Protein backbone atom coordinates (compact mmCIF):
# COMPACT_ATOMS: atom_id res chain seq x y z
CA UNK A 1 0.00 0.00 0.00
CA UNK A 2 1.47 3.36 -0.96
CA UNK A 3 1.18 6.00 1.73
CA UNK A 4 0.00 9.36 0.38
CA UNK A 5 2.11 9.05 -2.77
CA UNK A 6 -0.45 9.83 -5.48
CA UNK A 7 0.08 12.93 -7.62
CA UNK A 8 -3.66 13.46 -7.97
CA UNK A 9 -6.53 12.47 -5.75
CA UNK A 10 -10.19 11.70 -6.42
CA UNK A 11 -12.48 13.07 -3.68
CA UNK A 12 -14.80 10.37 -2.38
CA UNK A 13 -17.82 10.20 -0.11
CA UNK A 14 -17.69 7.20 2.24
CA UNK A 15 -20.89 5.66 3.57
CA UNK A 16 -20.48 3.18 6.42
CA UNK A 17 -24.13 2.89 7.44
CA UNK A 18 -27.55 4.12 6.32
CA UNK A 19 -28.15 5.83 9.67
CA UNK A 20 -24.78 7.64 9.94
CA UNK A 21 -23.68 10.74 8.02
CA UNK A 22 -21.15 10.14 5.23
CA UNK A 23 -17.42 10.50 5.78
CA UNK A 24 -14.91 11.93 3.33
CA UNK A 25 -11.65 10.73 1.86
CA UNK A 26 -9.64 10.62 -1.32
CA UNK A 27 -8.83 7.82 -3.71
CA UNK A 28 -5.18 7.71 -4.72
CA UNK A 29 -4.85 4.51 -6.72
CA UNK A 30 -7.83 3.12 -8.59
CA UNK A 31 -8.23 -0.02 -10.69
CA UNK A 32 -11.33 -2.02 -11.65
CA UNK A 33 -10.88 -4.39 -8.72
CA UNK A 34 -9.07 -2.40 -6.05
CA UNK A 35 -8.40 1.09 -4.75
CA UNK A 36 -6.41 2.94 -2.13
CA UNK A 37 -8.31 5.39 0.04
CA UNK A 38 -6.95 8.02 2.45
CA UNK A 39 -9.12 9.57 5.16
CA UNK A 40 -8.97 11.20 8.58
CA UNK A 41 -11.57 8.72 9.77
CA UNK A 42 -10.62 5.43 11.41
CA UNK A 43 -12.37 2.34 10.06
CA UNK A 44 -11.64 -1.33 10.86
CA UNK A 45 -10.23 -3.90 8.44
CA UNK A 46 -13.03 -5.99 6.98
CA UNK A 47 -15.57 -3.13 7.07
CA UNK A 48 -17.78 -2.82 3.97
CA UNK A 49 -18.15 0.70 2.56
CA UNK A 50 -20.16 2.39 -0.18
CA UNK A 51 -18.07 4.95 -2.08
CA UNK A 52 -19.33 7.74 -4.32
CA UNK A 53 -16.93 9.66 -6.59
CA UNK A 54 -16.44 10.97 -10.11
CA UNK A 55 -14.01 9.50 -12.60
CA UNK A 56 -13.63 11.83 -15.54
CA UNK A 57 -17.21 12.86 -16.21
CA UNK A 58 -18.68 9.59 -14.99
CA UNK A 59 -20.31 9.62 -11.56
CA UNK A 60 -20.02 6.43 -9.50
CA UNK A 61 -22.49 6.06 -6.65
CA UNK A 62 -22.46 3.53 -3.81
CA UNK A 63 -19.58 1.43 -5.15
CA UNK A 64 -19.27 -1.39 -2.62
CA UNK A 65 -15.81 -2.14 -1.25
CA UNK A 66 -14.28 -4.01 1.68
CA UNK A 67 -11.28 -2.72 3.64
CA UNK A 68 -8.52 -5.23 3.02
CA UNK A 69 -5.78 -3.42 4.95
CA UNK A 70 -5.64 -0.31 7.15
CA UNK A 71 -2.56 1.68 8.20
CA UNK A 72 -2.17 5.03 9.94
CA UNK A 73 0.59 7.32 8.75
CA UNK A 74 2.68 9.82 10.71
CA UNK A 75 0.39 12.70 9.75
CA UNK A 76 -2.67 11.03 11.29
CA UNK A 77 -4.28 9.91 8.04
CA UNK A 78 -5.65 6.40 7.64
CA UNK A 79 -4.56 4.60 4.47
CA UNK A 80 -6.89 1.84 3.31
CA UNK A 81 -6.45 -0.86 0.69
CA UNK A 82 -9.89 -1.66 -0.68
CA UNK A 83 -11.26 -4.47 -2.80
CA UNK A 84 -14.41 -3.88 -4.83
CA UNK A 85 -17.21 -6.37 -4.21
CA UNK A 86 -19.63 -5.99 -7.13
CA UNK A 87 -18.41 -7.39 -10.49
CA UNK A 88 -20.87 -5.19 -12.42
CA UNK A 89 -19.51 -2.05 -10.73
CA UNK A 90 -15.95 -3.24 -11.43
CA UNK A 91 -16.80 -3.59 -15.13
CA UNK A 92 -18.17 -0.04 -15.21
CA UNK A 93 -14.95 1.18 -13.55
CA UNK A 94 -12.89 -0.76 -16.09
CA UNK A 95 -14.76 0.96 -18.95
CA UNK A 96 -14.38 4.42 -17.36
CA UNK A 97 -10.65 3.91 -16.73
CA UNK A 98 -10.08 2.65 -20.28
CA UNK A 99 -12.03 5.61 -21.68
CA UNK A 100 -9.96 8.11 -19.71
CA UNK A 101 -6.63 6.91 -21.10
CA UNK A 102 -5.01 9.00 -23.85
CA UNK A 103 -5.34 7.49 -27.34
CA UNK A 104 -1.52 7.29 -27.65
CA UNK A 105 -1.25 4.74 -24.81
PDB file of N, CA and C in Angstrom:
ATOM      1  N   UNK A   1       0.857  -1.169   0.000  1.00  0.00           N
ATOM      2  CA  UNK A   1       0.000   0.000   0.000  1.00  0.00           C
ATOM      3  C   UNK A   1       0.898   1.224   0.000  1.00  0.00           C
ATOM      4  N   UNK A   2       0.682   2.125  -0.938  1.00  0.00           N
ATOM      5  CA  UNK A   2       1.469   3.356  -0.956  1.00  0.00           C
ATOM      6  C   UNK A   2       0.842   4.361   0.003  1.00  0.00           C
ATOM      7  N   UNK A   3       1.662   5.049   0.736  1.00  0.00           N
ATOM      8  CA  UNK A   3       1.182   5.997   1.730  1.00  0.00           C
ATOM      9  C   UNK A   3       1.254   7.411   1.184  1.00  0.00           C
ATOM     10  N   UNK A   4       0.097   7.974   0.835  1.00  0.00           N
ATOM     11  CA  UNK A   4      -0.003   9.359   0.378  1.00  0.00           C
ATOM     12  C   UNK A   4       0.969   9.692  -0.749  1.00  0.00           C
ATOM     13  N   UNK A   5       1.119   8.800  -1.724  1.00  0.00           N
ATOM     14  CA  UNK A   5       2.105   9.049  -2.767  1.00  0.00           C
ATOM     15  C   UNK A   5       1.488   9.415  -4.111  1.00  0.00           C
ATOM     16  N   UNK A   6       0.178   9.517  -4.203  1.00  0.00           N
ATOM     17  CA  UNK A   6      -0.451   9.829  -5.485  1.00  0.00           C
ATOM     18  C   UNK A   6      -0.248  11.293  -5.844  1.00  0.00           C
ATOM     19  N   UNK A   7      -0.060  11.549  -7.144  1.00  0.00           N
ATOM     20  CA  UNK A   7       0.078  12.926  -7.618  1.00  0.00           C
ATOM     21  C   UNK A   7      -1.271  13.627  -7.685  1.00  0.00           C
ATOM     22  N   UNK A   8      -2.324  12.875  -7.933  1.00  0.00           N
ATOM     23  CA  UNK A   8      -3.658  13.459  -7.966  1.00  0.00           C
ATOM     24  C   UNK A   8      -4.600  12.561  -7.180  1.00  0.00           C
ATOM     25  N   UNK A   9      -5.596  13.185  -6.605  1.00  0.00           N
ATOM     26  CA  UNK A   9      -6.532  12.475  -5.746  1.00  0.00           C
ATOM     27  C   UNK A   9      -7.940  12.629  -6.285  1.00  0.00           C
ATOM     28  N   UNK A  10      -8.783  11.641  -6.042  1.00  0.00           N
ATOM     29  CA  UNK A  10     -10.188  11.702  -6.417  1.00  0.00           C
ATOM     30  C   UNK A  10     -10.987  11.818  -5.126  1.00  0.00           C
ATOM     31  N   UNK A  11     -11.656  12.949  -4.885  1.00  0.00           N
ATOM     32  CA  UNK A  11     -12.476  13.066  -3.676  1.00  0.00           C
ATOM     33  C   UNK A  11     -13.571  11.996  -3.667  1.00  0.00           C
ATOM     34  N   UNK A  12     -13.815  11.433  -2.500  1.00  0.00           N
ATOM     35  CA  UNK A  12     -14.804  10.366  -2.380  1.00  0.00           C
ATOM     36  C   UNK A  12     -15.634  10.534  -1.114  1.00  0.00           C
ATOM     37  N   UNK A  13     -16.919  10.274  -1.253  1.00  0.00           N
ATOM     38  CA  UNK A  13     -17.820  10.204  -0.108  1.00  0.00           C
ATOM     39  C   UNK A  13     -17.839   8.748   0.349  1.00  0.00           C
ATOM     40  N   UNK A  14     -17.769   8.546   1.663  1.00  0.00           N
ATOM     41  CA  UNK A  14     -17.695   7.205   2.241  1.00  0.00           C
ATOM     42  C   UNK A  14     -18.926   6.986   3.112  1.00  0.00           C
ATOM     43  N   UNK A  15     -19.747   6.015   2.743  1.00  0.00           N
ATOM     44  CA  UNK A  15     -20.892   5.660   3.571  1.00  0.00           C
ATOM     45  C   UNK A  15     -20.571   4.355   4.293  1.00  0.00           C
ATOM     46  N   UNK A  16     -20.749   4.377   5.612  1.00  0.00           N
ATOM     47  CA  UNK A  16     -20.484   3.183   6.417  1.00  0.00           C
ATOM     48  C   UNK A  16     -21.771   2.562   6.946  1.00  0.00           C
ATOM     49  N   UNK A  17     -22.857   3.336   6.921  1.00  0.00           N
ATOM     50  CA  UNK A  17     -24.134   2.886   7.444  1.00  0.00           C
ATOM     51  C   UNK A  17     -25.227   3.818   6.928  1.00  0.00           C
ATOM     52  N   UNK A  18     -26.432   3.287   6.790  1.00  0.00           N
ATOM     53  CA  UNK A  18     -27.546   4.122   6.323  1.00  0.00           C
ATOM     54  C   UNK A  18     -27.944   5.180   7.342  1.00  0.00           C
ATOM     55  N   UNK A  19     -27.707   4.903   8.632  1.00  0.00           N
ATOM     56  CA  UNK A  19     -28.151   5.832   9.674  1.00  0.00           C
ATOM     57  C   UNK A  19     -27.040   6.738  10.200  1.00  0.00           C
ATOM     58  N   UNK A  20     -25.868   6.741   9.558  1.00  0.00           N
ATOM     59  CA  UNK A  20     -24.779   7.635   9.944  1.00  0.00           C
ATOM     60  C   UNK A  20     -24.474   8.592   8.800  1.00  0.00           C
ATOM     61  N   UNK A  21     -24.037   9.812   9.105  1.00  0.00           N
ATOM     62  CA  UNK A  21     -23.676  10.738   8.021  1.00  0.00           C
ATOM     63  C   UNK A  21     -22.451  10.219   7.269  1.00  0.00           C
ATOM     64  N   UNK A  22     -22.311  10.603   5.996  1.00  0.00           N
ATOM     65  CA  UNK A  22     -21.153  10.143   5.232  1.00  0.00           C
ATOM     66  C   UNK A  22     -19.854  10.763   5.737  1.00  0.00           C
ATOM     67  N   UNK A  23     -18.781  10.046   5.491  1.00  0.00           N
ATOM     68  CA  UNK A  23     -17.425  10.504   5.782  1.00  0.00           C
ATOM     69  C   UNK A  23     -16.789  10.919   4.455  1.00  0.00           C
ATOM     70  N   UNK A  24     -15.588  11.479   4.531  1.00  0.00           N
ATOM     71  CA  UNK A  24     -14.908  11.934   3.326  1.00  0.00           C
ATOM     72  C   UNK A  24     -13.495  11.392   3.281  1.00  0.00           C
ATOM     73  N   UNK A  25     -13.015  11.180   2.076  1.00  0.00           N
ATOM     74  CA  UNK A  25     -11.654  10.729   1.863  1.00  0.00           C
ATOM     75  C   UNK A  25     -11.265  11.007   0.428  1.00  0.00           C
ATOM     76  N   UNK A  26     -10.127  10.454   0.043  1.00  0.00           N
ATOM     77  CA  UNK A  26      -9.635  10.623  -1.323  1.00  0.00           C
ATOM     78  C   UNK A  26      -9.062   9.316  -1.813  1.00  0.00           C
ATOM     79  N   UNK A  27      -9.382   8.999  -3.056  1.00  0.00           N
ATOM     80  CA  UNK A  27      -8.831   7.818  -3.706  1.00  0.00           C
ATOM     81  C   UNK A  27      -7.525   8.212  -4.371  1.00  0.00           C
ATOM     82  N   UNK A  28      -6.480   7.444  -4.107  1.00  0.00           N
ATOM     83  CA  UNK A  28      -5.182   7.707  -4.722  1.00  0.00           C
ATOM     84  C   UNK A  28      -4.938   6.798  -5.900  1.00  0.00           C
ATOM     85  N   UNK A  29      -5.029   5.510  -5.682  1.00  0.00           N
ATOM     86  CA  UNK A  29      -4.851   4.514  -6.722  1.00  0.00           C
ATOM     87  C   UNK A  29      -6.196   3.866  -6.970  1.00  0.00           C
ATOM     88  N   UNK A  30      -6.536   3.686  -8.248  1.00  0.00           N
ATOM     89  CA  UNK A  30      -7.829   3.124  -8.589  1.00  0.00           C
ATOM     90  C   UNK A  30      -7.672   2.173  -9.766  1.00  0.00           C
ATOM     91  N   UNK A  31      -8.171   0.958  -9.605  1.00  0.00           N
ATOM     92  CA  UNK A  31      -8.228  -0.022 -10.690  1.00  0.00           C
ATOM     93  C   UNK A  31      -9.625  -0.622 -10.663  1.00  0.00           C
ATOM     94  N   UNK A  32      -9.983  -1.443 -11.647  1.00  0.00           N
ATOM     95  CA  UNK A  32     -11.330  -2.017 -11.654  1.00  0.00           C
ATOM     96  C   UNK A  32     -11.637  -2.900 -10.445  1.00  0.00           C
ATOM     97  N   UNK A  33     -10.631  -3.486  -9.831  1.00  0.00           N
ATOM     98  CA  UNK A  33     -10.884  -4.394  -8.718  1.00  0.00           C
ATOM     99  C   UNK A  33     -10.470  -3.891  -7.358  1.00  0.00           C
ATOM    100  N   UNK A  34      -9.628  -2.861  -7.319  1.00  0.00           N
ATOM    101  CA  UNK A  34      -9.071  -2.396  -6.049  1.00  0.00           C
ATOM    102  C   UNK A  34      -8.876  -0.882  -6.069  1.00  0.00           C
ATOM    103  N   UNK A  35      -8.681  -0.335  -4.872  1.00  0.00           N
ATOM    104  CA  UNK A  35      -8.396   1.094  -4.747  1.00  0.00           C
ATOM    105  C   UNK A  35      -7.640   1.327  -3.447  1.00  0.00           C
ATOM    106  N   UNK A  36      -7.009   2.475  -3.373  1.00  0.00           N
ATOM    107  CA  UNK A  36      -6.410   2.941  -2.128  1.00  0.00           C
ATOM    108  C   UNK A  36      -7.127   4.222  -1.739  1.00  0.00           C
ATOM    109  N   UNK A  37      -7.531   4.286  -0.489  1.00  0.00           N
ATOM    110  CA  UNK A  37      -8.310   5.392   0.044  1.00  0.00           C
ATOM    111  C   UNK A  37      -7.567   5.985   1.232  1.00  0.00           C
ATOM    112  N   UNK A  38      -7.549   7.313   1.322  1.00  0.00           N
ATOM    113  CA  UNK A  38      -6.946   8.017   2.448  1.00  0.00           C
ATOM    114  C   UNK A  38      -8.034   8.857   3.097  1.00  0.00           C
ATOM    115  N   UNK A  39      -8.099   8.819   4.434  1.00  0.00           N
ATOM    116  CA  UNK A  39      -9.121   9.565   5.157  1.00  0.00           C
ATOM    117  C   UNK A  39      -8.628   9.890   6.559  1.00  0.00           C
ATOM    118  N   UNK A  40      -9.235  10.892   7.171  1.00  0.00           N
ATOM    119  CA  UNK A  40      -8.968  11.204   8.580  1.00  0.00           C
ATOM    120  C   UNK A  40      -9.718  10.260   9.504  1.00  0.00           C
ATOM    121  N   UNK A  41     -10.673   9.529   8.961  1.00  0.00           N
ATOM    122  CA  UNK A  41     -11.569   8.718   9.774  1.00  0.00           C
ATOM    123  C   UNK A  41     -11.049   7.289   9.916  1.00  0.00           C
ATOM    124  N   UNK A  42     -11.085   6.781  11.133  1.00  0.00           N
ATOM    125  CA  UNK A  42     -10.619   5.428  11.413  1.00  0.00           C
ATOM    126  C   UNK A  42     -11.739   4.422  11.176  1.00  0.00           C
ATOM    127  N   UNK A  43     -11.436   3.411  10.371  1.00  0.00           N
ATOM    128  CA  UNK A  43     -12.370   2.335  10.060  1.00  0.00           C
ATOM    129  C   UNK A  43     -11.636   1.002  10.198  1.00  0.00           C
ATOM    130  N   UNK A  44     -12.318  -0.051  10.647  1.00  0.00           N
ATOM    131  CA  UNK A  44     -11.641  -1.331  10.864  1.00  0.00           C
ATOM    132  C   UNK A  44     -11.460  -2.137   9.574  1.00  0.00           C
ATOM    133  N   UNK A  45     -10.411  -2.954   9.537  1.00  0.00           N
ATOM    134  CA  UNK A  45     -10.231  -3.900   8.439  1.00  0.00           C
ATOM    135  C   UNK A  45     -11.448  -4.805   8.376  1.00  0.00           C
ATOM    136  N   UNK A  46     -11.872  -5.140   7.170  1.00  0.00           N
ATOM    137  CA  UNK A  46     -13.029  -5.995   6.978  1.00  0.00           C
ATOM    138  C   UNK A  46     -14.337  -5.231   6.823  1.00  0.00           C
ATOM    139  N   UNK A  47     -14.361  -3.958   7.162  1.00  0.00           N
ATOM    140  CA  UNK A  47     -15.574  -3.129   7.068  1.00  0.00           C
ATOM    141  C   UNK A  47     -15.971  -2.967   5.600  1.00  0.00           C
ATOM    142  N   UNK A  48     -17.267  -3.064   5.323  1.00  0.00           N
ATOM    143  CA  UNK A  48     -17.783  -2.824   3.975  1.00  0.00           C
ATOM    144  C   UNK A  48     -18.250  -1.373   3.884  1.00  0.00           C
ATOM    145  N   UNK A  49     -17.841  -0.704   2.802  1.00  0.00           N
ATOM    146  CA  UNK A  49     -18.149   0.700   2.559  1.00  0.00           C
ATOM    147  C   UNK A  49     -18.917   0.853   1.259  1.00  0.00           C
ATOM    148  N   UNK A  50     -19.577   1.982   1.105  1.00  0.00           N
ATOM    149  CA  UNK A  50     -20.158   2.391  -0.178  1.00  0.00           C
ATOM    150  C   UNK A  50     -19.518   3.721  -0.540  1.00  0.00           C
ATOM    151  N   UNK A  51     -18.792   3.754  -1.644  1.00  0.00           N
ATOM    152  CA  UNK A  51     -18.073   4.948  -2.081  1.00  0.00           C
ATOM    153  C   UNK A  51     -18.805   5.632  -3.222  1.00  0.00           C
ATOM    154  N   UNK A  52     -18.798   6.949  -3.208  1.00  0.00           N
ATOM    155  CA  UNK A  52     -19.325   7.738  -4.321  1.00  0.00           C
ATOM    156  C   UNK A  52     -18.241   8.730  -4.739  1.00  0.00           C
ATOM    157  N   UNK A  53     -17.989   8.803  -6.061  1.00  0.00           N
ATOM    158  CA  UNK A  53     -16.927   9.661  -6.589  1.00  0.00           C
ATOM    159  C   UNK A  53     -17.162   9.858  -8.073  1.00  0.00           C
ATOM    160  N   UNK A  54     -16.391  10.749  -8.673  1.00  0.00           N
ATOM    161  CA  UNK A  54     -16.437  10.966 -10.111  1.00  0.00           C
ATOM    162  C   UNK A  54     -15.111  10.577 -10.720  1.00  0.00           C
ATOM    163  N   UNK A  55     -15.198   9.893 -11.850  1.00  0.00           N
ATOM    164  CA  UNK A  55     -14.008   9.503 -12.601  1.00  0.00           C
ATOM    165  C   UNK A  55     -14.179  10.075 -13.998  1.00  0.00           C
ATOM    166  N   UNK A  56     -13.392  11.095 -14.302  1.00  0.00           N
ATOM    167  CA  UNK A  56     -13.633  11.829 -15.535  1.00  0.00           C
ATOM    168  C   UNK A  56     -14.967  12.537 -15.392  1.00  0.00           C
ATOM    169  N   UNK A  57     -15.859  12.289 -16.308  1.00  0.00           N
ATOM    170  CA  UNK A  57     -17.207  12.864 -16.212  1.00  0.00           C
ATOM    171  C   UNK A  57     -18.223  11.841 -15.733  1.00  0.00           C
ATOM    172  N   UNK A  58     -17.767  10.650 -15.406  1.00  0.00           N
ATOM    173  CA  UNK A  58     -18.681   9.586 -14.992  1.00  0.00           C
ATOM    174  C   UNK A  58     -18.843   9.566 -13.476  1.00  0.00           C
ATOM    175  N   UNK A  59     -20.082   9.734 -12.998  1.00  0.00           N
ATOM    176  CA  UNK A  59     -20.312   9.620 -11.558  1.00  0.00           C
ATOM    177  C   UNK A  59     -20.477   8.149 -11.159  1.00  0.00           C
ATOM    178  N   UNK A  60     -19.865   7.775 -10.063  1.00  0.00           N
ATOM    179  CA  UNK A  60     -20.017   6.435  -9.499  1.00  0.00           C
ATOM    180  C   UNK A  60     -20.641   6.610  -8.122  1.00  0.00           C
ATOM    181  N   UNK A  61     -21.743   5.913  -7.885  1.00  0.00           N
ATOM    182  CA  UNK A  61     -22.494   6.064  -6.647  1.00  0.00           C
ATOM    183  C   UNK A  61     -22.608   4.720  -5.946  1.00  0.00           C
ATOM    184  N   UNK A  62     -22.316   4.719  -4.655  1.00  0.00           N
ATOM    185  CA  UNK A  62     -22.457   3.534  -3.808  1.00  0.00           C
ATOM    186  C   UNK A  62     -21.701   2.317  -4.351  1.00  0.00           C
ATOM    187  N   UNK A  63     -20.449   2.528  -4.716  1.00  0.00           N
ATOM    188  CA  UNK A  63     -19.584   1.432  -5.147  1.00  0.00           C
ATOM    189  C   UNK A  63     -19.160   0.667  -3.890  1.00  0.00           C
ATOM    190  N   UNK A  64     -19.528  -0.587  -3.829  1.00  0.00           N
ATOM    191  CA  UNK A  64     -19.272  -1.389  -2.624  1.00  0.00           C
ATOM    192  C   UNK A  64     -17.835  -1.895  -2.599  1.00  0.00           C
ATOM    193  N   UNK A  65     -17.192  -1.713  -1.433  1.00  0.00           N
ATOM    194  CA  UNK A  65     -15.809  -2.141  -1.247  1.00  0.00           C
ATOM    195  C   UNK A  65     -15.611  -2.615   0.188  1.00  0.00           C
ATOM    196  N   UNK A  66     -14.663  -3.527   0.351  1.00  0.00           N
ATOM    197  CA  UNK A  66     -14.282  -4.011   1.683  1.00  0.00           C
ATOM    198  C   UNK A  66     -12.859  -3.541   1.982  1.00  0.00           C
ATOM    199  N   UNK A  67     -12.626  -3.130   3.225  1.00  0.00           N
ATOM    200  CA  UNK A  67     -11.279  -2.716   3.641  1.00  0.00           C
ATOM    201  C   UNK A  67     -10.432  -3.970   3.834  1.00  0.00           C
ATOM    202  N   UNK A  68      -9.416  -4.082   2.988  1.00  0.00           N
ATOM    203  CA  UNK A  68      -8.517  -5.230   3.024  1.00  0.00           C
ATOM    204  C   UNK A  68      -7.377  -5.000   4.018  1.00  0.00           C
ATOM    205  N   UNK A  69      -6.909  -3.759   4.084  1.00  0.00           N
ATOM    206  CA  UNK A  69      -5.782  -3.418   4.949  1.00  0.00           C
ATOM    207  C   UNK A  69      -5.913  -1.972   5.376  1.00  0.00           C
ATOM    208  N   UNK A  70      -5.557  -1.680   6.623  1.00  0.00           N
ATOM    209  CA  UNK A  70      -5.636  -0.313   7.146  1.00  0.00           C
ATOM    210  C   UNK A  70      -4.337   0.028   7.871  1.00  0.00           C
ATOM    211  N   UNK A  71      -3.774   1.186   7.552  1.00  0.00           N
ATOM    212  CA  UNK A  71      -2.562   1.682   8.204  1.00  0.00           C
ATOM    213  C   UNK A  71      -2.746   3.158   8.525  1.00  0.00           C
ATOM    214  N   UNK A  72      -2.143   3.598   9.607  1.00  0.00           N
ATOM    215  CA  UNK A  72      -2.169   5.025   9.945  1.00  0.00           C
ATOM    216  C   UNK A  72      -0.779   5.589   9.700  1.00  0.00           C
ATOM    217  N   UNK A  73      -0.716   6.729   9.023  1.00  0.00           N
ATOM    218  CA  UNK A  73       0.592   7.321   8.748  1.00  0.00           C
ATOM    219  C   UNK A  73       0.975   8.332   9.828  1.00  0.00           C
ATOM    220  N   UNK A  74       2.158   8.880   9.714  1.00  0.00           N
ATOM    221  CA  UNK A  74       2.682   9.817  10.706  1.00  0.00           C
ATOM    222  C   UNK A  74       1.936  11.129  10.785  1.00  0.00           C
ATOM    223  N   UNK A  75       1.162  11.466   9.761  1.00  0.00           N
ATOM    224  CA  UNK A  75       0.390  12.703   9.751  1.00  0.00           C
ATOM    225  C   UNK A  75      -1.021  12.517  10.302  1.00  0.00           C
ATOM    226  N   UNK A  76      -1.349  11.298  10.717  1.00  0.00           N
ATOM    227  CA  UNK A  76      -2.666  11.033  11.293  1.00  0.00           C
ATOM    228  C   UNK A  76      -3.722  10.596  10.302  1.00  0.00           C
ATOM    229  N   UNK A  77      -3.331  10.393   9.037  1.00  0.00           N
ATOM    230  CA  UNK A  77      -4.283   9.905   8.039  1.00  0.00           C
ATOM    231  C   UNK A  77      -4.331   8.378   8.089  1.00  0.00           C
ATOM    232  N   UNK A  78      -5.493   7.845   7.757  1.00  0.00           N
ATOM    233  CA  UNK A  78      -5.648   6.402   7.638  1.00  0.00           C
ATOM    234  C   UNK A  78      -5.593   6.040   6.161  1.00  0.00           C
ATOM    235  N   UNK A  79      -4.746   5.076   5.843  1.00  0.00           N
ATOM    236  CA  UNK A  79      -4.559   4.604   4.474  1.00  0.00           C
ATOM    237  C   UNK A  79      -5.187   3.227   4.368  1.00  0.00           C
ATOM    238  N   UNK A  80      -6.138   3.082   3.447  1.00  0.00           N
ATOM    239  CA  UNK A  80      -6.893   1.842   3.309  1.00  0.00           C
ATOM    240  C   UNK A  80      -6.674   1.216   1.941  1.00  0.00           C
ATOM    241  N   UNK A  81      -6.410  -0.080   1.922  1.00  0.00           N
ATOM    242  CA  UNK A  81      -6.450  -0.859   0.686  1.00  0.00           C
ATOM    243  C   UNK A  81      -7.845  -1.451   0.609  1.00  0.00           C
ATOM    244  N   UNK A  82      -8.515  -1.209  -0.505  1.00  0.00           N
ATOM    245  CA  UNK A  82      -9.886  -1.663  -0.683  1.00  0.00           C
ATOM    246  C   UNK A  82      -9.973  -2.674  -1.815  1.00  0.00           C
ATOM    247  N   UNK A  83     -10.930  -3.560  -1.709  1.00  0.00           N
ATOM    248  CA  UNK A  83     -11.259  -4.471  -2.801  1.00  0.00           C
ATOM    249  C   UNK A  83     -12.731  -4.267  -3.121  1.00  0.00           C
ATOM    250  N   UNK A  84     -13.033  -4.089  -4.413  1.00  0.00           N
ATOM    251  CA  UNK A  84     -14.414  -3.880  -4.826  1.00  0.00           C
ATOM    252  C   UNK A  84     -15.168  -5.200  -4.820  1.00  0.00           C
ATOM    253  N   UNK A  85     -16.433  -5.163  -4.429  1.00  0.00           N
ATOM    254  CA  UNK A  85     -17.213  -6.373  -4.213  1.00  0.00           C
ATOM    255  C   UNK A  85     -18.173  -6.723  -5.343  1.00  0.00           C
ATOM    256  N   UNK A  86     -18.613  -5.751  -6.109  1.00  0.00           N
ATOM    257  CA  UNK A  86     -19.635  -5.989  -7.127  1.00  0.00           C
ATOM    258  C   UNK A  86     -18.986  -6.078  -8.511  1.00  0.00           C
ATOM    259  N   UNK A  87     -19.034  -7.255  -9.157  1.00  0.00           N
ATOM    260  CA  UNK A  87     -18.412  -7.392 -10.485  1.00  0.00           C
ATOM    261  C   UNK A  87     -18.986  -6.427 -11.530  1.00  0.00           C
ATOM    262  N   UNK A  88     -20.270  -6.123 -11.456  1.00  0.00           N
ATOM    263  CA  UNK A  88     -20.865  -5.189 -12.420  1.00  0.00           C
ATOM    264  C   UNK A  88     -20.286  -3.787 -12.235  1.00  0.00           C
ATOM    265  N   UNK A  89     -20.121  -3.362 -10.989  1.00  0.00           N
ATOM    266  CA  UNK A  89     -19.513  -2.052 -10.734  1.00  0.00           C
ATOM    267  C   UNK A  89     -18.057  -2.041 -11.178  1.00  0.00           C
ATOM    268  N   UNK A  90     -17.348  -3.147 -10.988  1.00  0.00           N
ATOM    269  CA  UNK A  90     -15.954  -3.240 -11.434  1.00  0.00           C
ATOM    270  C   UNK A  90     -15.853  -3.119 -12.945  1.00  0.00           C
ATOM    271  N   UNK A  91     -16.801  -3.700 -13.669  1.00  0.00           N
ATOM    272  CA  UNK A  91     -16.798  -3.591 -15.134  1.00  0.00           C
ATOM    273  C   UNK A  91     -17.048  -2.151 -15.577  1.00  0.00           C
ATOM    274  N   UNK A  92     -17.940  -1.453 -14.891  1.00  0.00           N
ATOM    275  CA  UNK A  92     -18.168  -0.039 -15.208  1.00  0.00           C
ATOM    276  C   UNK A  92     -16.915   0.790 -14.933  1.00  0.00           C
ATOM    277  N   UNK A  93     -16.218   0.485 -13.837  1.00  0.00           N
ATOM    278  CA  UNK A  93     -14.951   1.175 -13.548  1.00  0.00           C
ATOM    279  C   UNK A  93     -13.923   0.885 -14.629  1.00  0.00           C
ATOM    280  N   UNK A  94     -13.845  -0.386 -15.044  1.00  0.00           N
ATOM    281  CA  UNK A  94     -12.890  -0.761 -16.095  1.00  0.00           C
ATOM    282  C   UNK A  94     -13.153   0.067 -17.360  1.00  0.00           C
ATOM    283  N   UNK A  95     -14.412   0.196 -17.749  1.00  0.00           N
ATOM    284  CA  UNK A  95     -14.761   0.960 -18.949  1.00  0.00           C
ATOM    285  C   UNK A  95     -14.412   2.441 -18.775  1.00  0.00           C
ATOM    286  N   UNK A  96     -14.682   2.993 -17.609  1.00  0.00           N
ATOM    287  CA  UNK A  96     -14.377   4.421 -17.364  1.00  0.00           C
ATOM    288  C   UNK A  96     -12.873   4.670 -17.367  1.00  0.00           C
ATOM    289  N   UNK A  97     -12.108   3.756 -16.767  1.00  0.00           N
ATOM    290  CA  UNK A  97     -10.653   3.913 -16.732  1.00  0.00           C
ATOM    291  C   UNK A  97     -10.090   3.800 -18.149  1.00  0.00           C
ATOM    292  N   UNK A  98     -10.564   2.834 -18.912  1.00  0.00           N
ATOM    293  CA  UNK A  98     -10.082   2.654 -20.280  1.00  0.00           C
ATOM    294  C   UNK A  98     -10.441   3.862 -21.151  1.00  0.00           C
ATOM    295  N   UNK A  99     -11.606   4.439 -20.914  1.00  0.00           N
ATOM    296  CA  UNK A  99     -12.033   5.609 -21.682  1.00  0.00           C
ATOM    297  C   UNK A  99     -11.282   6.868 -21.337  1.00  0.00           C
ATOM    298  N   UNK A 100     -10.668   6.897 -20.130  1.00  0.00           N
ATOM    299  CA  UNK A 100      -9.962   8.108 -19.709  1.00  0.00           C
ATOM    300  C   UNK A 100      -8.493   8.092 -20.114  1.00  0.00           C
ATOM    301  N   UNK A 101      -8.028   6.976 -20.693  1.00  0.00           N
ATOM    302  CA  UNK A 101      -6.629   6.911 -21.099  1.00  0.00           C
ATOM    303  C   UNK A 101      -6.429   7.647 -22.416  1.00  0.00           C
ATOM    304  N   UNK A 102      -5.280   8.325 -22.586  1.00  0.00           N
ATOM    305  CA  UNK A 102      -5.008   9.004 -23.851  1.00  0.00           C
ATOM    306  C   UNK A 102      -4.954   7.983 -24.998  1.00  0.00           C
ATOM    307  N   UNK A 103      -5.305   8.401 -26.196  1.00  0.00           N
ATOM    308  CA  UNK A 103      -5.336   7.488 -27.345  1.00  0.00           C
ATOM    309  C   UNK A 103      -3.944   7.004 -27.733  1.00  0.00           C
ATOM    310  N   UNK A 104      -2.889   7.683 -27.302  1.00  0.00           N
ATOM    311  CA  UNK A 104      -1.524   7.289 -27.650  1.00  0.00           C
ATOM    312  C   UNK A 104      -0.981   6.177 -26.773  1.00  0.00           C
ATOM    313  N   UNK A 105      -1.738   5.798 -25.716  1.00  0.00           N
ATOM    314  CA  UNK A 105      -1.247   4.735 -24.805  1.00  0.00           C
ATOM    315  C   UNK A 105      -1.640   3.391 -25.328  1.00  0.00           C
TER     316      UNK A 105
END
